[in-house]
Amino acid sequence: MQLVYAFDAYCGWSHGFSPTLRKAVSRHPDIPVEVISGGLFTGSRRVPIREFGYVQGANAQIAELTGAEFGEGYDRLIADGSFVMDSEAAARGVVALRQVAPDRAAELAGALQRAFYVDGLSLSESATYRKIAEEAGLDADAVVSAFESPEAYDAAADDFRRCAELGVNGFPTLLAVDGGRVTVLARGHATADEVDRRLAALS
């Protein structure tokens, strides 16, 4: 069995789920974790953030329910309104971090979201991945090179396809995958204890 975490780095609910994911993974070190990206803001949804009028209200709800932090850097992006969230670029970043440190994919997914939601950094910029890599003690040049590589575009598309094949239609979604059996452990919001109970029910 493995855990598959389907998220979008530009999804506020995924940001709020990061502590639950960290706890769930730390409680089950024997279960491998695969992190894949969804394509929440691709194609015609790649528009200035001001066009998503619900963002601030949703963030207040996420913060209240999960304790997630939304930092001053991110608040400035919202106030300006011109920033464009590009989930394909963010997915390439996930690919790059996953490639360099596959066993730390869940931890690094959280770092990616903090870079955006706390520091207000663009997930389309190589410099963001250099900063995340350096702070995580990774080979920053290797991460940036992987992010900028043509292969990263194909890998991001593969992630989007895998989400669809697994039936993921909202983020975040945490799945237990055992052969052909796919079980939803969490969707949107859950505590680590709830995840544990659902995992225990599978054994």
Foldseek 3Di string as FASTA:
>chain_A
DAKEKEAFLPDLLQLLCLVQLVVLCVVCVVHHYHYFYAFPQADPNQFFQVVVVCVVVVNVVSCVVRVGDQAPLLVVSVVVRGDTAGRLLLRLLLVLVCVQPVRCSSVLSNVSSCCCRHNNDHSNDLVSQLVSQVVVVTDSVSSSCSSPDPVSSVRNVVRNVVCVVLVNDAPTWMWDDDPPDIDTQDGSDDHNVSSVVVVVVVD
